[in-house]
């Protein structure tokens, strides 16, 4: 598998197959969970979260997180399906850093497209946060809005340390210092801390504190013994709930 660039058709497919969760407040009936193209008509507006899935694609953990957002927080969410790109490049770590960067470029293009896609939704109230996990939290950390894009209210970086290591040529974190950002990590992440034998950075802290050192709006949450995929761990949800309440629900 070697495809690393979307065509217009495959990018459209990634959005049409985006996993979507809509709160009952905007469906007028009940929480909707499913692909975007099958979503019901909406009767109201809500804030939103764009999630960028990890290397494993749309998995049950992400869907569970999106249902929690819709059912308990009243927040809509979409997560584009990167694997709508036929013959999409996949990998088994470790691989050359330059090859990881090809994937990061692909995922960044999907995030930019997802922001534009969100702005076209009749249920979107203009407020949103972007979030990603692991491989795709790199795209969230690096995101630079297109000129016409509505600016996000914050970013959530799950399970990415924002450091130079085996996974990137350079971390290239681009979070503005005035933008709220929440970084949630296992205290000893299996991939992005020195617990990983091929980390490629013997001084790795395993979190984004250094990359976000000049941002007074940044928060770092380290969860002891947490798994790599941790957005549904109770401590993570508690931190996310507070972050989203301040950014989207006031």
C-alpha atoms as a PDB file:
ATOM      1  CA  UNK A   1       0.000   0.000   0.000  1.00  0.00           C
ATOM      2  CA  UNK A   2       1.491   3.295  -1.091  1.00  0.00           C
ATOM      3  CA  UNK A   3      -1.142   5.998  -1.739  1.00  0.00           C
ATOM      4  CA  UNK A   4      -0.374   9.175   0.232  1.00  0.00           C
ATOM      5  CA  UNK A   5      -2.370  11.914  -1.553  1.00  0.00           C
ATOM      6  CA  UNK A   6      -6.136  12.277  -1.865  1.00  0.00           C
ATOM      7  CA  UNK A   7      -7.936  13.080  -5.066  1.00  0.00           C
ATOM      8  CA  UNK A   8     -10.997  15.311  -4.877  1.00  0.00           C
ATOM      9  CA  UNK A   9     -13.177  12.178  -5.013  1.00  0.00           C
ATOM     10  CA  UNK A  10     -11.359  10.296  -2.250  1.00  0.00           C
ATOM     11  CA  UNK A  11     -11.327  13.354   0.010  1.00  0.00           C
ATOM     12  CA  UNK A  12     -15.063  13.713  -0.530  1.00  0.00           C
ATOM     13  CA  UNK A  13     -15.484  10.033   0.352  1.00  0.00           C
ATOM     14  CA  UNK A  14     -13.454  10.535   3.539  1.00  0.00           C
ATOM     15  CA  UNK A  15     -15.898  13.253   4.584  1.00  0.00           C
ATOM     16  CA  UNK A  16     -19.079  11.467   3.477  1.00  0.00           C
ATOM     17  CA  UNK A  17     -17.961   8.425   5.496  1.00  0.00           C
ATOM     18  CA  UNK A  18     -16.903  10.525   8.492  1.00  0.00           C
ATOM     19  CA  UNK A  19     -18.115   8.960  11.716  1.00  0.00           C
ATOM     20  CA  UNK A  20     -20.638  11.449  13.015  1.00  0.00           C
ATOM     21  CA  UNK A  21     -22.354  11.844  16.369  1.00  0.00           C
ATOM     22  CA  UNK A  22     -25.100  14.453  16.749  1.00  0.00           C
ATOM     23  CA  UNK A  23     -26.793  15.300  20.054  1.00  0.00           C
ATOM     24  CA  UNK A  24     -30.551  14.893  20.407  1.00  0.00           C
ATOM     25  CA  UNK A  25     -30.869  18.655  20.804  1.00  0.00           C
ATOM     26  CA  UNK A  26     -30.121  19.158  17.126  1.00  0.00           C
ATOM     27  CA  UNK A  27     -31.728  16.056  15.636  1.00  0.00           C
ATOM     28  CA  UNK A  28     -34.975  16.813  17.460  1.00  0.00           C
ATOM     29  CA  UNK A  29     -35.246  13.131  18.358  1.00  0.00           C
ATOM     30  CA  UNK A  30     -32.287  11.113  19.658  1.00  0.00           C
ATOM     31  CA  UNK A  31     -28.515  10.962  19.420  1.00  0.00           C
ATOM     32  CA  UNK A  32     -27.382  10.034  15.926  1.00  0.00           C
ATOM     33  CA  UNK A  33     -24.311   7.858  15.477  1.00  0.00           C
ATOM     34  CA  UNK A  34     -23.161   6.718  12.056  1.00  0.00           C
ATOM     35  CA  UNK A  35     -21.591   7.877   8.834  1.00  0.00           C
ATOM     36  CA  UNK A  36     -22.183  11.473   7.818  1.00  0.00           C
ATOM     37  CA  UNK A  37     -24.020  10.647   4.588  1.00  0.00           C
ATOM     38  CA  UNK A  38     -26.757   8.814   6.534  1.00  0.00           C
ATOM     39  CA  UNK A  39     -27.285  11.523   9.176  1.00  0.00           C
ATOM     40  CA  UNK A  40     -30.811  12.863   9.680  1.00  0.00           C
ATOM     41  CA  UNK A  41     -31.904  16.403   8.998  1.00  0.00           C
ATOM     42  CA  UNK A  42     -31.255  18.714  11.897  1.00  0.00           C
ATOM     43  CA  UNK A  43     -33.484  21.272  13.589  1.00  0.00           C
ATOM     44  CA  UNK A  44     -31.014  23.279  15.667  1.00  0.00           C
ATOM     45  CA  UNK A  45     -27.321  24.142  16.014  1.00  0.00           C
ATOM     46  CA  UNK A  46     -24.565  22.997  18.366  1.00  0.00           C
ATOM     47  CA  UNK A  47     -20.821  23.399  18.915  1.00  0.00           C
ATOM     48  CA  UNK A  48     -18.611  20.719  17.446  1.00  0.00           C
ATOM     49  CA  UNK A  49     -15.423  18.740  17.805  1.00  0.00           C
ATOM     50  CA  UNK A  50     -13.394  17.499  14.857  1.00  0.00           C
ATOM     51  CA  UNK A  51     -11.583  14.294  15.779  1.00  0.00           C
ATOM     52  CA  UNK A  52      -8.639  12.990  13.773  1.00  0.00           C
ATOM     53  CA  UNK A  53      -8.360   9.242  14.246  1.00  0.00           C
ATOM     54  CA  UNK A  54      -5.115   7.347  14.867  1.00  0.00           C
ATOM     55  CA  UNK A  55      -3.284   4.889  12.641  1.00  0.00           C
ATOM     56  CA  UNK A  56      -5.902   2.187  13.245  1.00  0.00           C
ATOM     57  CA  UNK A  57      -8.723   4.217  11.721  1.00  0.00           C
ATOM     58  CA  UNK A  58     -12.263   4.587  13.031  1.00  0.00           C
ATOM     59  CA  UNK A  59     -12.153   2.256  16.007  1.00  0.00           C
ATOM     60  CA  UNK A  60     -14.631   1.537  18.836  1.00  0.00           C
ATOM     61  CA  UNK A  61     -12.752   3.814  21.279  1.00  0.00           C
ATOM     62  CA  UNK A  62     -13.256   6.840  19.053  1.00  0.00           C
ATOM     63  CA  UNK A  63     -16.920   6.022  18.457  1.00  0.00           C
ATOM     64  CA  UNK A  64     -17.444   5.614  22.205  1.00  0.00           C
ATOM     65  CA  UNK A  65     -15.822   9.007  22.801  1.00  0.00           C
ATOM     66  CA  UNK A  66     -18.026  10.657  20.176  1.00  0.00           C
ATOM     67  CA  UNK A  67     -21.192   9.185  21.694  1.00  0.00           C
ATOM     68  CA  UNK A  68     -20.115  10.553  25.086  1.00  0.00           C
ATOM     69  CA  UNK A  69     -19.649  13.991  23.532  1.00  0.00           C
ATOM     70  CA  UNK A  70     -23.096  13.933  21.948  1.00  0.00           C
ATOM     71  CA  UNK A  71     -25.090  12.250  24.699  1.00  0.00           C
ATOM     72  CA  UNK A  72     -23.517  13.797  27.792  1.00  0.00           C
ATOM     73  CA  UNK A  73     -21.918  17.052  26.602  1.00  0.00           C
ATOM     74  CA  UNK A  74     -24.320  18.145  23.859  1.00  0.00           C
ATOM     75  CA  UNK A  75     -21.434  18.482  21.393  1.00  0.00           C
ATOM     76  CA  UNK A  76     -21.549  17.250  17.797  1.00  0.00           C
ATOM     77  CA  UNK A  77     -18.493  15.586  16.298  1.00  0.00           C
ATOM     78  CA  UNK A  78     -17.112  14.281  13.035  1.00  0.00           C
ATOM     79  CA  UNK A  79     -14.140  12.023  12.368  1.00  0.00           C
ATOM     80  CA  UNK A  80     -13.179  11.705   8.702  1.00  0.00           C
ATOM     81  CA  UNK A  81     -12.305   8.231   7.430  1.00  0.00           C
ATOM     82  CA  UNK A  82      -8.751   8.348   6.099  1.00  0.00           C
ATOM     83  CA  UNK A  83      -9.062   4.799   4.789  1.00  0.00           C
ATOM     84  CA  UNK A  84     -11.455   5.872   2.053  1.00  0.00           C
ATOM     85  CA  UNK A  85      -8.225   6.489   0.107  1.00  0.00           C
ATOM     86  CA  UNK A  86      -7.706   3.275  -1.891  1.00  0.00           C
ATOM     87  CA  UNK A  87      -4.331   1.594  -1.380  1.00  0.00           C
ATOM     88  CA  UNK A  88      -3.629   4.028   1.472  1.00  0.00           C
ATOM     89  CA  UNK A  89      -0.155   3.758   2.937  1.00  0.00           C
ATOM     90  CA  UNK A  90       0.009   1.800   6.186  1.00  0.00           C
ATOM     91  CA  UNK A  91       2.993   0.771   8.265  1.00  0.00           C
ATOM     92  CA  UNK A  92       4.361  -1.210  11.160  1.00  0.00           C
ATOM     93  CA  UNK A  93       6.697   0.838  13.367  1.00  0.00           C
ATOM     94  CA  UNK A  94       9.487   1.627  13.225  1.00  0.00           C
ATOM     95  CA  UNK A  95       9.902   2.876   9.649  1.00  0.00           C
ATOM     96  CA  UNK A  96      12.048   5.747   8.287  1.00  0.00           C
ATOM     97  CA  UNK A  97      11.011   9.146   9.643  1.00  0.00           C
ATOM     98  CA  UNK A  98      10.549  10.430   6.109  1.00  0.00           C
ATOM     99  CA  UNK A  99       7.865   7.792   5.552  1.00  0.00           C
ATOM    100  CA  UNK A 100       6.018   8.831   8.693  1.00  0.00           C
ATOM    101  CA  UNK A 101       6.076  12.380   7.351  1.00  0.00           C
ATOM    102  CA  UNK A 102       4.227  11.245   4.228  1.00  0.00           C
ATOM    103  CA  UNK A 103       1.409  10.004   6.438  1.00  0.00           C
ATOM    104  CA  UNK A 104       1.465  13.192   8.507  1.00  0.00           C
ATOM    105  CA  UNK A 105       1.077  15.251   5.337  1.00  0.00           C
ATOM    106  CA  UNK A 106      -1.900  13.134   4.290  1.00  0.00           C
ATOM    107  CA  UNK A 107      -3.541  13.515   7.690  1.00  0.00           C
ATOM    108  CA  UNK A 108      -2.948  17.269   7.740  1.00  0.00           C
ATOM    109  CA  UNK A 109      -4.743  17.559   4.394  1.00  0.00           C
ATOM    110  CA  UNK A 110      -7.699  15.677   5.850  1.00  0.00           C
ATOM    111  CA  UNK A 111      -7.860  17.943   8.887  1.00  0.00           C
ATOM    112  CA  UNK A 112      -7.873  21.057   6.694  1.00  0.00           C
ATOM    113  CA  UNK A 113     -10.660  19.534   4.587  1.00  0.00           C
ATOM    114  CA  UNK A 114     -12.629  18.550   7.707  1.00  0.00           C
ATOM    115  CA  UNK A 115     -12.555  22.137   9.015  1.00  0.00           C
ATOM    116  CA  UNK A 116     -13.904  23.412   5.700  1.00  0.00           C
ATOM    117  CA  UNK A 117     -16.496  20.619   5.664  1.00  0.00           C
ATOM    118  CA  UNK A 118     -17.674  21.456   9.182  1.00  0.00           C
ATOM    119  CA  UNK A 119     -18.253  25.082   8.257  1.00  0.00           C
ATOM    120  CA  UNK A 120     -20.788  23.988   5.627  1.00  0.00           C
ATOM    121  CA  UNK A 121     -22.975  22.065   8.086  1.00  0.00           C
ATOM    122  CA  UNK A 122     -26.383  23.604   8.879  1.00  0.00           C
ATOM    123  CA  UNK A 123     -26.113  22.372  12.489  1.00  0.00           C
ATOM    124  CA  UNK A 124     -22.713  23.975  13.189  1.00  0.00           C
ATOM    125  CA  UNK A 125     -22.976  27.015  15.469  1.00  0.00           C
ATOM    126  CA  UNK A 126     -19.511  28.407  14.683  1.00  0.00           C
ATOM    127  CA  UNK A 127     -17.664  27.091  17.750  1.00  0.00           C
ATOM    128  CA  UNK A 128     -15.380  24.095  17.524  1.00  0.00           C
ATOM    129  CA  UNK A 129     -12.344  22.327  18.937  1.00  0.00           C
ATOM    130  CA  UNK A 130      -9.987  19.983  17.074  1.00  0.00           C
ATOM    131  CA  UNK A 131      -8.623  16.830  18.660  1.00  0.00           C
ATOM    132  CA  UNK A 132      -6.517  13.895  17.593  1.00  0.00           C
ATOM    133  CA  UNK A 133      -4.807  10.867  18.999  1.00  0.00           C
ATOM    134  CA  UNK A 134      -1.361   9.358  18.458  1.00  0.00           C
ATOM    135  CA  UNK A 135      -0.323   9.486  14.766  1.00  0.00           C
ATOM    136  CA  UNK A 136      -2.974  12.054  14.053  1.00  0.00           C
ATOM    137  CA  UNK A 137      -2.418  14.263  17.038  1.00  0.00           C
ATOM    138  CA  UNK A 138       0.656  15.300  15.042  1.00  0.00           C
ATOM    139  CA  UNK A 139      -1.679  16.897  12.489  1.00  0.00           C
ATOM    140  CA  UNK A 140      -3.572  18.644  15.307  1.00  0.00           C
ATOM    141  CA  UNK A 141      -0.343  19.995  16.817  1.00  0.00           C
ATOM    142  CA  UNK A 142       0.858  21.218  13.419  1.00  0.00           C
ATOM    143  CA  UNK A 143      -2.443  22.609  12.156  1.00  0.00           C
ATOM    144  CA  UNK A 144      -2.338  26.055  10.552  1.00  0.00           C
ATOM    145  CA  UNK A 145      -5.821  27.295   9.581  1.00  0.00           C
ATOM    146  CA  UNK A 146      -6.591  28.200   6.006  1.00  0.00           C
ATOM    147  CA  UNK A 147      -7.164  31.925   5.537  1.00  0.00           C
ATOM    148  CA  UNK A 148     -10.932  31.516   5.177  1.00  0.00           C
ATOM    149  CA  UNK A 149     -11.345  29.097   8.073  1.00  0.00           C
ATOM    150  CA  UNK A 150     -13.193  29.903  11.269  1.00  0.00           C
ATOM    151  CA  UNK A 151     -10.640  29.723  14.061  1.00  0.00           C
ATOM    152  CA  UNK A 152     -10.944  26.824  16.479  1.00  0.00           C
ATOM    153  CA  UNK A 153     -11.549  27.517  20.180  1.00  0.00           C
ATOM    154  CA  UNK A 154      -8.918  25.045  21.315  1.00  0.00           C
ATOM    155  CA  UNK A 155      -7.041  21.838  20.606  1.00  0.00           C
ATOM    156  CA  UNK A 156      -6.807  18.500  22.397  1.00  0.00           C
ATOM    157  CA  UNK A 157      -3.701  16.407  21.812  1.00  0.00           C
ATOM    158  CA  UNK A 158      -4.078  12.819  22.988  1.00  0.00           C
ATOM    159  CA  UNK A 159      -1.041  10.541  23.171  1.00  0.00           C
ATOM    160  CA  UNK A 160       1.444  12.665  21.240  1.00  0.00           C
ATOM    161  CA  UNK A 161       4.407  14.254  23.007  1.00  0.00           C
ATOM    162  CA  UNK A 162       5.264  17.120  20.651  1.00  0.00           C
ATOM    163  CA  UNK A 163       8.931  16.090  20.666  1.00  0.00           C
ATOM    164  CA  UNK A 164      11.520  15.109  18.108  1.00  0.00           C
ATOM    165  CA  UNK A 165      11.591  11.318  18.061  1.00  0.00           C
ATOM    166  CA  UNK A 166      11.333   8.313  15.735  1.00  0.00           C
ATOM    167  CA  UNK A 167       7.877   9.390  14.513  1.00  0.00           C
ATOM    168  CA  UNK A 168       8.799  12.711  12.879  1.00  0.00           C
ATOM    169  CA  UNK A 169      11.707  14.439  11.179  1.00  0.00           C
ATOM    170  CA  UNK A 170      10.919  17.398  13.453  1.00  0.00           C
ATOM    171  CA  UNK A 171       7.876  17.871  15.694  1.00  0.00           C
ATOM    172  CA  UNK A 172       6.907  21.227  14.056  1.00  0.00           C
ATOM    173  CA  UNK A 173       4.322  22.080  16.693  1.00  0.00           C
ATOM    174  CA  UNK A 174       2.391  25.145  15.538  1.00  0.00           C
ATOM    175  CA  UNK A 175      -0.146  25.794  18.305  1.00  0.00           C
ATOM    176  CA  UNK A 176      -0.538  29.589  18.734  1.00  0.00           C
ATOM    177  CA  UNK A 177       0.483  30.750  22.196  1.00  0.00           C
ATOM    178  CA  UNK A 178      -2.899  32.392  22.770  1.00  0.00           C
ATOM    179  CA  UNK A 179      -4.880  29.267  21.922  1.00  0.00           C
ATOM    180  CA  UNK A 180      -6.034  26.934  24.710  1.00  0.00           C
ATOM    181  CA  UNK A 181      -4.598  23.438  24.323  1.00  0.00           C
ATOM    182  CA  UNK A 182      -4.924  20.281  26.382  1.00  0.00           C
ATOM    183  CA  UNK A 183      -2.322  17.501  26.129  1.00  0.00           C
ATOM    184  CA  UNK A 184      -3.319  14.195  27.729  1.00  0.00           C
ATOM    185  CA  UNK A 185      -0.738  11.413  27.966  1.00  0.00           C
ATOM    186  CA  UNK A 186      -0.052   8.197  29.753  1.00  0.00           C
ATOM    187  CA  UNK A 187       2.688   8.980  32.266  1.00  0.00           C
ATOM    188  CA  UNK A 188       4.766   6.348  30.433  1.00  0.00           C
ATOM    189  CA  UNK A 189       3.328   6.245  26.929  1.00  0.00           C
ATOM    190  CA  UNK A 190       4.346   3.024  25.179  1.00  0.00           C
ATOM    191  CA  UNK A 191       5.348   4.856  21.989  1.00  0.00           C
ATOM    192  CA  UNK A 192       6.337   8.415  22.870  1.00  0.00           C
ATOM    193  CA  UNK A 193       8.297   8.064  26.103  1.00  0.00           C
ATOM    194  CA  UNK A 194      11.577   6.395  26.967  1.00  0.00           C
ATOM    195  CA  UNK A 195       9.538   3.251  27.653  1.00  0.00           C
ATOM    196  CA  UNK A 196       9.831   2.722  23.885  1.00  0.00           C
ATOM    197  CA  UNK A 197      13.129   1.076  22.952  1.00  0.00           C
ATOM    198  CA  UNK A 198      13.210   2.853  19.571  1.00  0.00           C
ATOM    199  CA  UNK A 199      12.041   6.288  20.767  1.00  0.00           C
ATOM    200  CA  UNK A 200      14.991   7.991  19.061  1.00  0.00           C
ATOM    201  CA  UNK A 201      15.323  10.588  21.823  1.00  0.00           C
ATOM    202  CA  UNK A 202      16.996   9.541  25.060  1.00  0.00           C
ATOM    203  CA  UNK A 203      15.899  12.802  26.733  1.00  0.00           C
ATOM    204  CA  UNK A 204      12.247  12.420  25.780  1.00  0.00           C
ATOM    205  CA  UNK A 205       9.919  13.780  28.465  1.00  0.00           C
ATOM    206  CA  UNK A 206       6.953  11.981  26.956  1.00  0.00           C
ATOM    207  CA  UNK A 207       4.602  14.983  26.857  1.00  0.00           C
ATOM    208  CA  UNK A 208       4.154  18.403  25.191  1.00  0.00           C
ATOM    209  CA  UNK A 209       5.379  20.652  28.016  1.00  0.00           C
ATOM    210  CA  UNK A 210       8.497  21.767  26.150  1.00  0.00           C
ATOM    211  CA  UNK A 211       6.672  22.415  22.870  1.00  0.00           C
ATOM    212  CA  UNK A 212       3.992  24.403  24.707  1.00  0.00           C
ATOM    213  CA  UNK A 213       6.307  26.138  27.197  1.00  0.00           C
ATOM    214  CA  UNK A 214       5.413  29.631  25.950  1.00  0.00           C
ATOM    215  CA  UNK A 215       1.664  29.018  25.948  1.00  0.00           C
ATOM    216  CA  UNK A 216      -0.006  30.179  29.198  1.00  0.00           C
ATOM    217  CA  UNK A 217      -3.223  28.562  27.989  1.00  0.00           C
ATOM    218  CA  UNK A 218      -1.754  25.044  27.830  1.00  0.00           C
ATOM    219  CA  UNK A 219      -2.529  22.210  30.231  1.00  0.00           C
ATOM    220  CA  UNK A 220      -0.692  18.886  30.477  1.00  0.00           C
ATOM    221  CA  UNK A 221      -2.414  15.880  32.046  1.00  0.00           C
ATOM    222  CA  UNK A 222      -0.349  12.745  32.788  1.00  0.00           C
ATOM    223  CA  UNK A 223      -2.256   9.627  33.778  1.00  0.00           C
ATOM    224  CA  UNK A 224      -0.280   6.884  35.553  1.00  0.00           C
ATOM    225  CA  UNK A 225      -0.495   3.426  33.969  1.00  0.00           C
ATOM    226  CA  UNK A 226      -2.930   4.632  31.310  1.00  0.00           C
ATOM    227  CA  UNK A 227      -3.064   2.858  27.951  1.00  0.00           C
ATOM    228  CA  UNK A 228      -1.870   4.559  24.770  1.00  0.00           C
ATOM    229  CA  UNK A 229      -5.476   4.972  23.616  1.00  0.00           C
ATOM    230  CA  UNK A 230      -6.852   6.856  26.583  1.00  0.00           C
ATOM    231  CA  UNK A 231      -9.611   9.270  25.593  1.00  0.00           C
ATOM    232  CA  UNK A 232     -12.175   7.175  27.501  1.00  0.00           C
ATOM    233  CA  UNK A 233     -10.165   6.796  30.705  1.00  0.00           C
ATOM    234  CA  UNK A 234     -12.102   8.566  33.516  1.00  0.00           C
ATOM    235  CA  UNK A 235      -9.292  11.058  34.271  1.00  0.00           C
ATOM    236  CA  UNK A 236      -9.060  11.942  30.573  1.00  0.00           C
ATOM    237  CA  UNK A 237     -12.796  12.466  30.269  1.00  0.00           C
ATOM    238  CA  UNK A 238     -12.831  14.659  33.354  1.00  0.00           C
ATOM    239  CA  UNK A 239     -10.107  16.875  31.897  1.00  0.00           C
ATOM    240  CA  UNK A 240     -11.791  17.004  28.489  1.00  0.00           C
ATOM    241  CA  UNK A 241     -15.165  17.860  30.002  1.00  0.00           C
ATOM    242  CA  UNK A 242     -13.723  20.855  31.850  1.00  0.00           C
ATOM    243  CA  UNK A 243     -11.799  21.997  28.785  1.00  0.00           C
ATOM    244  CA  UNK A 244     -14.832  21.805  26.499  1.00  0.00           C
ATOM    245  CA  UNK A 245     -17.134  23.456  29.023  1.00  0.00           C
ATOM    246  CA  UNK A 246     -14.870  26.503  29.082  1.00  0.00           C
ATOM    247  CA  UNK A 247     -14.358  26.618  25.302  1.00  0.00           C
ATOM    248  CA  UNK A 248     -17.680  25.537  23.818  1.00  0.00           C
ATOM    249  CA  UNK A 249     -20.466  25.512  26.376  1.00  0.00           C
ATOM    250  CA  UNK A 250     -20.324  28.920  28.059  1.00  0.00           C
END
